[in-house]
């Protein structure tokens, strides 16, 4: 008989399980990897799921030091460090994930599944896997060789989401799976990530420092938001990675309007704005721009509440202010945007020919000329846009030659704001 509904006690436990897994990564990280738990889990996984002898485990204090260590090992002993096949992750998922997936799916109603999925798996994944592990990798990878992209798919923080989901069902006696119990030991050892080879496993210790804002994104205005035991640091402002050089420049109050205009990456510019907001307040930020630019025009766009479902609901009014001026004898213009879904502020560069904020912000949106009549709705994330077209427009888009796809045009402010439905 399927589980129809969670009891109040089970609903409380659901939140406890969520918090336990998040705290394991974010609050118990300074304890490092539980080595006995990790090595027992690796031995079981290699012997029982992969049919291979127990490998030697090498612990590394950061992701960067791990890549350096692997490179040294390869040079010293090439034959002894061969990468496991790409199917390893598939083998683990098939042996553990598929069996528990089917078992839980057969035992609970869809409404229960969805509730636990949203409250536990999605929350843990967003807080741990996506915002921490993925962020560090984005900072580390750079121009690394392709082989270093083959980090573990079944070890580390990225698996906290789905394992915590099944951990809940195990605790309420819906699930009793021996493989999951063994695999869970490996994940609960708190290994940040790993690289698995035939005879070696290189395990990355979790960061010693992880700092987040009350919006649950990596953020710190005084020091690095992520730091590892070997001193490796990564700087984040409102979830965006910036260089230590830029962070120091901001912290030492040496960041100028000229620096802002030279920066081409709108996400980095947004991080700088956020830093100034957090450390100096709104008044300073306004004066930072007004000292160099003149406020020309403001447009207020109120969103229907239905378009804010799934967002922070922090504000349902988009406010756009056009600033214009001259720096280093060059005319410049920016539109300051308050994002209604996240309460974030952007300053987006626009052509200085515009004299009203409505048309200026709309000018950033571009679409192939021939499908322009077929726009139904528009969504915006910072400087990135996505467009929904009519069926006719989608069919037409698929047949357009490259020359027509590259023939981009903008739309008027009136049309833009009549069709934009979501900003985040």
Protein backbone atom coordinates (compact mmCIF):
# COMPACT_ATOMS: atom_id res chain seq x y z
CA UNK A 1 0.00 0.00 0.00
CA UNK A 2 1.38 3.36 -0.99
CA UNK A 3 2.14 6.12 1.51
CA UNK A 4 -0.64 8.63 0.91
CA UNK A 5 0.37 11.52 3.14
CA UNK A 6 3.14 12.49 5.54
CA UNK A 7 2.28 12.76 9.22
CA UNK A 8 3.15 15.98 11.10
CA UNK A 9 6.04 14.10 12.72
CA UNK A 10 7.33 12.97 9.32
CA UNK A 11 7.08 16.51 7.99
CA UNK A 12 9.22 17.72 10.88
CA UNK A 13 11.70 14.92 10.25
CA UNK A 14 11.83 15.92 6.59
CA UNK A 15 13.14 19.35 7.56
CA UNK A 16 15.54 17.84 10.09
CA UNK A 17 17.02 15.58 7.41
CA UNK A 18 17.38 18.55 5.06
CA UNK A 19 19.20 20.59 7.72
CA UNK A 20 21.44 17.68 8.76
CA UNK A 21 22.77 17.26 5.24
CA UNK A 22 23.24 20.98 4.69
CA UNK A 23 25.01 21.34 8.04
CA UNK A 24 27.25 18.37 7.27
CA UNK A 25 28.70 20.31 4.37
CA UNK A 26 28.47 23.89 5.58
CA UNK A 27 29.01 23.67 9.34
CA UNK A 28 31.01 20.49 9.90
CA UNK A 29 33.38 21.14 7.01
CA UNK A 30 36.28 22.13 9.29
CA UNK A 31 36.39 18.55 10.61
CA UNK A 32 37.55 17.37 7.21
CA UNK A 33 36.93 13.96 5.70
CA UNK A 34 36.00 11.12 8.05
CA UNK A 35 38.79 8.89 6.74
CA UNK A 36 37.67 5.53 8.19
CA UNK A 37 34.16 6.09 6.82
CA UNK A 38 35.47 7.21 3.44
CA UNK A 39 37.94 4.35 3.03
CA UNK A 40 35.39 1.73 4.07
CA UNK A 41 33.00 3.18 1.52
CA UNK A 42 35.61 3.24 -1.23
CA UNK A 43 36.65 -0.35 -0.50
CA UNK A 44 33.03 -1.53 -0.65
CA UNK A 45 32.37 0.40 -3.84
CA UNK A 46 35.48 -0.82 -5.66
CA UNK A 47 35.12 -4.45 -4.61
CA UNK A 48 31.36 -4.92 -4.79
CA UNK A 49 30.20 -2.56 -7.51
CA UNK A 50 33.29 -2.30 -9.73
CA UNK A 51 34.90 -5.68 -9.10
CA UNK A 52 38.29 -4.08 -8.41
CA UNK A 53 40.78 -4.29 -5.51
CA UNK A 54 40.84 -1.58 -2.85
CA UNK A 55 42.74 1.47 -4.14
CA UNK A 56 45.17 3.62 -2.19
CA UNK A 57 43.58 6.86 -1.00
CA UNK A 58 45.51 10.12 -1.34
CA UNK A 59 44.03 13.07 0.57
CA UNK A 60 44.43 16.57 -0.89
CA UNK A 61 43.80 19.86 0.92
CA UNK A 62 42.10 21.61 -2.01
CA UNK A 63 40.86 20.99 -5.51
CA UNK A 64 43.84 22.84 -6.95
CA UNK A 65 46.35 20.84 -4.91
CA UNK A 66 44.54 17.67 -5.98
CA UNK A 67 45.10 18.44 -9.66
CA UNK A 68 48.76 19.23 -8.99
CA UNK A 69 49.16 15.97 -7.03
CA UNK A 70 47.59 13.90 -9.81
CA UNK A 71 49.90 15.51 -12.34
CA UNK A 72 52.95 14.68 -10.20
CA UNK A 73 51.80 11.07 -9.78
CA UNK A 74 51.34 10.70 -13.52
CA UNK A 75 54.86 11.89 -14.21
CA UNK A 76 56.41 9.67 -11.54
CA UNK A 77 54.45 6.50 -12.19
CA UNK A 78 52.52 6.62 -15.43
CA UNK A 79 51.51 2.93 -15.50
CA UNK A 80 50.16 2.94 -11.98
CA UNK A 81 47.67 5.75 -12.46
CA UNK A 82 45.20 4.91 -15.18
CA UNK A 83 41.81 6.58 -15.18
CA UNK A 84 38.79 4.40 -14.62
CA UNK A 85 36.41 4.17 -17.54
CA UNK A 86 33.70 6.77 -17.98
CA UNK A 87 31.08 4.12 -17.22
CA UNK A 88 31.98 3.99 -13.52
CA UNK A 89 29.47 6.66 -12.57
CA UNK A 90 26.81 4.88 -14.63
CA UNK A 91 27.60 1.63 -12.82
CA UNK A 92 27.16 3.22 -9.42
CA UNK A 93 23.95 4.96 -10.42
CA UNK A 94 22.56 1.74 -11.88
CA UNK A 95 23.50 -0.30 -8.82
CA UNK A 96 22.34 2.16 -6.19
CA UNK A 97 20.27 4.95 -7.68
CA UNK A 98 17.99 2.94 -9.97
CA UNK A 99 17.07 0.38 -7.32
CA UNK A 100 16.11 2.93 -4.67
CA UNK A 101 14.36 5.11 -7.26
CA UNK A 102 12.08 2.26 -8.24
CA UNK A 103 11.51 1.16 -4.64
CA UNK A 104 10.45 4.59 -3.41
CA UNK A 105 8.44 5.33 -6.52
CA UNK A 106 6.42 2.16 -5.95
CA UNK A 107 5.87 2.95 -2.27
CA UNK A 108 4.72 6.58 -2.14
CA UNK A 109 2.15 8.73 -3.84
CA UNK A 110 3.29 11.41 -6.28
CA UNK A 111 2.25 14.17 -3.88
CA UNK A 112 4.52 12.77 -1.15
CA UNK A 113 7.37 12.31 -3.61
CA UNK A 114 7.05 15.90 -4.83
CA UNK A 115 6.89 17.30 -1.30
CA UNK A 116 10.06 15.54 -0.15
CA UNK A 117 11.78 16.27 -3.46
CA UNK A 118 11.20 20.00 -3.07
CA UNK A 119 11.86 20.22 0.67
CA UNK A 120 14.87 17.92 0.91
CA UNK A 121 16.57 17.06 -2.37
CA UNK A 122 16.15 20.41 -4.13
CA UNK A 123 17.05 22.42 -1.04
CA UNK A 124 20.17 20.41 -0.21
CA UNK A 125 21.34 20.35 -3.80
CA UNK A 126 20.88 24.09 -4.23
CA UNK A 127 22.58 24.93 -0.94
CA UNK A 128 25.47 22.47 -1.18
CA UNK A 129 26.01 20.88 -4.57
CA UNK A 130 25.17 23.69 -6.94
CA UNK A 131 26.31 26.71 -4.97
CA UNK A 132 29.52 25.36 -3.41
CA UNK A 133 30.95 22.43 -5.34
CA UNK A 134 30.01 23.80 -8.76
CA UNK A 135 31.21 27.29 -7.85
CA UNK A 136 34.65 26.05 -6.80
CA UNK A 137 34.99 24.02 -9.99
CA UNK A 138 34.12 27.05 -12.11
CA UNK A 139 36.88 28.95 -10.32
CA UNK A 140 39.45 26.15 -10.63
CA UNK A 141 39.03 24.78 -14.12
CA UNK A 142 40.44 27.63 -16.22
CA UNK A 143 42.53 26.16 -19.00
CA UNK A 144 42.99 22.74 -17.41
CA UNK A 145 43.44 19.71 -19.59
CA UNK A 146 40.25 17.92 -20.56
CA UNK A 147 41.13 14.90 -18.39
CA UNK A 148 40.63 16.96 -15.24
CA UNK A 149 36.99 17.44 -16.17
CA UNK A 150 36.55 13.77 -15.30
CA UNK A 151 36.08 14.29 -11.59
CA UNK A 152 33.82 11.95 -9.67
CA UNK A 153 30.16 11.82 -10.52
CA UNK A 154 29.29 9.57 -7.56
CA UNK A 155 31.41 11.04 -4.79
CA UNK A 156 31.29 14.32 -2.90
CA UNK A 157 29.01 17.29 -2.35
CA UNK A 158 27.22 17.03 -5.70
CA UNK A 159 25.48 13.85 -4.47
CA UNK A 160 24.13 15.28 -1.22
CA UNK A 161 20.82 16.24 -2.81
CA UNK A 162 19.61 12.89 -4.09
CA UNK A 163 21.14 10.86 -1.24
CA UNK A 164 19.44 13.04 1.38
CA UNK A 165 16.15 12.47 -0.48
CA UNK A 166 16.41 8.69 -0.05
CA UNK A 167 17.86 9.05 3.45
CA UNK A 168 14.52 10.52 4.53
CA UNK A 169 12.56 7.58 3.14
CA UNK A 170 14.94 5.20 4.83
CA UNK A 171 14.32 6.92 8.16
CA UNK A 172 10.55 6.57 7.86
CA UNK A 173 10.94 2.88 6.94
CA UNK A 174 9.74 3.19 3.37
CA UNK A 175 13.13 2.14 2.07
CA UNK A 176 15.51 -0.60 3.22
CA UNK A 177 18.32 -0.97 0.71
CA UNK A 178 21.71 -2.44 1.66
CA UNK A 179 23.57 -0.78 -1.21
CA UNK A 180 22.21 2.62 -0.26
CA UNK A 181 23.29 2.09 3.36
CA UNK A 182 26.85 1.33 2.23
CA UNK A 183 26.93 4.09 -0.33
CA UNK A 184 25.54 6.60 2.16
CA UNK A 185 28.57 5.97 4.42
CA UNK A 186 30.82 7.08 1.59
CA UNK A 187 28.82 10.26 0.99
CA UNK A 188 28.48 11.09 4.70
CA UNK A 189 32.27 10.92 5.09
CA UNK A 190 32.16 14.55 3.85
CA UNK A 191 34.56 14.23 0.93
CA UNK A 192 34.26 17.40 -1.15
CA UNK A 193 35.01 15.67 -4.43
CA UNK A 194 37.36 13.00 -5.79
CA UNK A 195 39.17 11.60 -8.79
CA UNK A 196 39.09 7.80 -9.10
CA UNK A 197 41.77 5.77 -10.87
CA UNK A 198 42.48 2.03 -11.11
CA UNK A 199 44.85 2.00 -8.14
CA UNK A 200 44.34 5.40 -6.54
CA UNK A 201 41.57 7.64 -5.30
CA UNK A 202 42.45 11.31 -4.83
CA UNK A 203 40.04 12.71 -2.25
CA UNK A 204 39.56 16.46 -1.82
CA UNK A 205 39.09 17.76 1.71
CA UNK A 206 36.07 20.08 2.15
CA UNK A 207 36.71 23.83 2.42
CA UNK A 208 37.64 25.04 5.90
CA UNK A 209 35.61 28.21 5.32
CA UNK A 210 32.27 28.55 3.53
CA UNK A 211 30.45 31.85 3.91
CA UNK A 212 27.00 32.59 2.57
CA UNK A 213 24.56 35.48 2.64
CA UNK A 214 21.04 35.28 4.02
CA UNK A 215 19.95 34.61 0.43
CA UNK A 216 21.96 31.35 0.60
CA UNK A 217 24.57 32.37 -1.97
CA UNK A 218 28.33 32.53 -1.52
CA UNK A 219 29.18 35.95 -0.22
CA UNK A 220 31.70 37.78 1.98
CA UNK A 221 32.84 41.38 1.80
CA UNK A 222 35.74 41.10 4.26
CA UNK A 223 37.54 37.91 3.24
CA UNK A 224 37.30 34.97 0.89
CA UNK A 225 33.94 33.21 0.88
CA UNK A 226 35.61 29.83 0.32
CA UNK A 227 38.97 28.79 1.71
CA UNK A 228 40.75 25.44 1.81
CA UNK A 229 43.26 24.07 4.31
CA UNK A 230 46.21 24.81 2.04
CA UNK A 231 45.27 28.49 1.88
CA UNK A 232 43.58 28.40 -1.53
CA UNK A 233 40.94 31.13 -1.55
CA UNK A 234 37.99 32.07 -3.72
CA UNK A 235 36.19 35.38 -3.49
CA UNK A 236 32.45 35.69 -4.02
CA UNK A 237 30.07 38.61 -3.87
CA UNK A 238 26.39 37.74 -3.99
CA UNK A 239 27.14 34.38 -5.60
CA UNK A 240 29.55 35.72 -8.24
CA UNK A 241 33.21 34.83 -8.31
CA UNK A 242 35.66 37.73 -8.65
CA UNK A 243 39.45 37.81 -8.65
CA UNK A 244 41.40 38.49 -5.48
CA UNK A 245 42.89 41.53 -7.20
CA UNK A 246 39.46 43.02 -7.85
CA UNK A 247 38.30 42.13 -4.34
CA UNK A 248 41.31 43.93 -2.85
CA UNK A 249 40.68 46.93 -5.07
CA UNK A 250 37.10 47.14 -3.82
CA UNK A 251 38.07 46.60 -0.21
CA UNK A 252 40.79 49.26 -0.30
CA UNK A 253 38.35 51.76 -1.82
CA UNK A 254 40.36 52.02 -5.06
CA UNK A 255 37.56 51.02 -7.42
CA UNK A 256 36.56 53.86 -9.75
CA UNK A 257 33.87 54.60 -12.28
CA UNK A 258 36.52 54.23 -14.96
CA UNK A 259 37.22 50.68 -13.75
CA UNK A 260 33.50 49.96 -13.91
CA UNK A 261 33.13 51.14 -17.51
CA UNK A 262 36.14 49.08 -18.65
CA UNK A 263 34.68 45.85 -17.28
CA UNK A 264 32.90 43.96 -20.06
CA UNK A 265 31.39 41.18 -17.95
CA UNK A 266 28.01 42.35 -16.64
CA UNK A 267 28.01 39.70 -13.88
CA UNK A 268 31.33 41.01 -12.54
CA UNK A 269 29.99 44.55 -12.70
CA UNK A 270 26.93 43.42 -10.79
CA UNK A 271 29.19 41.84 -8.13
CA UNK A 272 31.05 45.13 -7.73
CA UNK A 273 27.76 46.99 -7.35
CA UNK A 274 26.64 44.48 -4.74
CA UNK A 275 29.90 44.91 -2.83
CA UNK A 276 29.46 48.69 -2.73
CA UNK A 277 25.83 48.25 -1.68
CA UNK A 278 26.71 45.93 1.18
CA UNK A 279 29.69 47.86 2.49
CA UNK A 280 28.78 51.49 1.83
CA UNK A 281 25.02 51.56 1.39
CA UNK A 282 22.60 52.75 -1.27
CA UNK A 283 23.46 56.43 -0.85
CA UNK A 284 27.11 55.82 -1.70
CA UNK A 285 26.18 53.75 -4.72
CA UNK A 286 23.89 56.43 -6.08
CA UNK A 287 26.57 59.08 -5.57
CA UNK A 288 29.17 56.80 -7.18
CA UNK A 289 27.23 57.06 -10.41
CA UNK A 290 25.84 60.55 -10.02
CA UNK A 291 29.33 61.99 -9.57
CA UNK A 292 30.08 60.82 -13.09
CA UNK A 293 26.71 60.45 -14.76
CA UNK A 294 23.49 62.40 -14.86
CA UNK A 295 20.17 60.74 -14.10
CA UNK A 296 18.02 61.18 -17.21
CA UNK A 297 14.82 59.17 -16.87
CA UNK A 298 13.15 56.42 -14.80
CA UNK A 299 10.60 53.80 -15.85
CA UNK A 300 8.68 51.65 -13.35
CA UNK A 301 7.29 48.29 -14.49
CA UNK A 302 5.01 46.46 -12.04
CA UNK A 303 4.85 42.70 -12.55
CA UNK A 304 1.77 40.58 -12.00
CA UNK A 305 2.29 38.42 -8.90
CA UNK A 306 1.78 35.21 -10.90
CA UNK A 307 5.03 35.83 -12.74
CA UNK A 308 6.97 35.79 -9.48
CA UNK A 309 6.09 32.22 -8.49
CA UNK A 310 9.27 30.33 -7.67
CA UNK A 311 11.27 33.52 -7.00
CA UNK A 312 12.17 35.32 -3.79
CA UNK A 313 9.06 37.51 -4.11
CA UNK A 314 11.20 40.23 -2.61
CA UNK A 315 9.84 42.90 -4.91
CA UNK A 316 7.34 42.87 -7.75
CA UNK A 317 8.27 46.20 -9.29
CA UNK A 318 11.03 46.55 -11.87
CA UNK A 319 12.63 49.99 -11.72
CA UNK A 320 14.85 51.18 -14.57
CA UNK A 321 16.81 54.44 -14.42
CA UNK A 322 18.83 55.81 -17.33
CA UNK A 323 22.14 57.56 -16.53
CA UNK A 324 24.26 59.36 -19.12
CA UNK A 325 27.55 61.18 -19.05
CA UNK A 326 31.12 61.40 -20.30
CA UNK A 327 34.23 59.62 -19.01
CA UNK A 328 37.65 60.03 -20.62
CA UNK A 329 35.97 62.04 -23.42
CA UNK A 330 33.70 59.13 -24.29
CA UNK A 331 29.91 59.38 -24.02
CA UNK A 332 28.46 56.54 -21.99
CA UNK A 333 25.04 55.50 -20.74
CA UNK A 334 23.82 52.93 -18.25
CA UNK A 335 20.45 51.68 -17.13
CA UNK A 336 20.20 50.82 -13.44
CA UNK A 337 17.85 47.86 -13.05
CA UNK A 338 16.27 46.54 -9.87
CA UNK A 339 15.43 42.89 -10.52
CA UNK A 340 11.97 42.09 -9.09
CA UNK A 341 12.66 38.40 -8.44
CA UNK A 342 15.93 38.60 -6.52
CA UNK A 343 16.23 42.20 -5.31
CA UNK A 344 19.51 42.41 -7.25
CA UNK A 345 20.68 45.62 -8.89
CA UNK A 346 22.38 45.75 -12.28
CA UNK A 347 23.91 48.61 -14.23
CA UNK A 348 23.72 47.64 -17.89
CA UNK A 349 25.56 49.58 -20.56
CA UNK A 350 23.43 50.96 -23.41
CA UNK A 351 23.90 53.27 -26.35
CA UNK A 352 24.13 56.94 -25.39
CA UNK A 353 21.62 57.81 -28.12
CA UNK A 354 18.72 56.84 -25.85
CA UNK A 355 16.86 59.43 -23.81
CA UNK A 356 14.39 57.26 -21.91
CA UNK A 357 14.98 54.19 -19.75
CA UNK A 358 12.18 52.16 -21.30
CA UNK A 359 13.62 52.14 -24.81
CA UNK A 360 17.19 51.96 -23.54
CA UNK A 361 16.73 48.70 -21.64
CA UNK A 362 14.63 47.25 -24.49
CA UNK A 363 17.50 47.95 -26.91
CA UNK A 364 19.57 45.23 -25.21
CA UNK A 365 17.13 42.61 -26.40
CA UNK A 366 17.88 41.40 -29.93
CA UNK A 367 16.13 38.86 -32.11
CA UNK A 368 16.34 37.70 -35.76
CA UNK A 369 14.34 40.14 -37.85
CA UNK A 370 12.21 37.49 -39.55
CA UNK A 371 10.88 35.96 -36.31
CA UNK A 372 10.27 39.30 -34.60
CA UNK A 373 6.51 39.21 -35.40
CA UNK A 374 6.21 35.83 -33.66
CA UNK A 375 7.38 36.77 -30.13
CA UNK A 376 4.93 35.69 -27.42
CA UNK A 377 6.88 36.28 -24.18
CA UNK A 378 10.40 37.27 -23.09
CA UNK A 379 12.37 36.33 -19.95
CA UNK A 380 15.52 38.06 -18.73
CA UNK A 381 18.42 37.00 -16.48
CA UNK A 382 20.83 39.90 -16.11
CA UNK A 383 22.11 40.51 -19.63
CA UNK A 384 20.77 37.21 -20.97
CA UNK A 385 17.38 36.80 -22.59
CA UNK A 386 15.21 33.86 -23.57
CA UNK A 387 12.27 34.12 -25.96
CA UNK A 388 9.09 32.11 -26.43
CA UNK A 389 7.77 32.09 -29.98
CA UNK A 390 4.55 31.02 -31.63
CA UNK A 391 4.54 27.57 -33.27
CA UNK A 392 4.83 29.29 -36.62
CA UNK A 393 7.79 31.28 -35.36
CA UNK A 394 9.55 28.17 -34.03
CA UNK A 395 9.08 26.39 -37.36
CA UNK A 396 10.38 29.41 -39.22
CA UNK A 397 13.41 29.74 -36.94
CA UNK A 398 14.46 26.15 -37.66
CA UNK A 399 14.56 26.85 -41.40
CA UNK A 400 16.36 30.21 -41.39
CA UNK A 401 19.80 30.35 -42.99
CA UNK A 402 22.71 31.63 -40.94
CA UNK A 403 22.55 35.06 -42.57
CA UNK A 404 18.96 35.56 -41.41
CA UNK A 405 19.69 34.29 -37.90
CA UNK A 406 22.51 36.82 -37.62
CA UNK A 407 20.27 39.64 -38.86
CA UNK A 408 19.29 40.85 -35.38
CA UNK A 409 17.03 43.76 -34.51
CA UNK A 410 15.72 45.30 -31.29
CA UNK A 411 12.14 46.10 -30.36
CA UNK A 412 10.50 49.16 -28.86
CA UNK A 413 10.22 49.72 -25.14
CA UNK A 414 6.43 49.40 -25.31
CA UNK A 415 6.59 46.01 -27.04
CA UNK A 416 9.38 44.79 -24.77
CA UNK A 417 7.56 45.53 -21.52
CA UNK A 418 4.28 44.16 -22.85
CA UNK A 419 5.97 40.81 -23.46
CA UNK A 420 8.57 40.41 -20.72
CA UNK A 421 7.08 38.22 -18.02
CA UNK A 422 9.93 37.07 -15.81
CA UNK A 423 13.22 38.51 -14.60
CA UNK A 424 15.73 36.76 -12.39
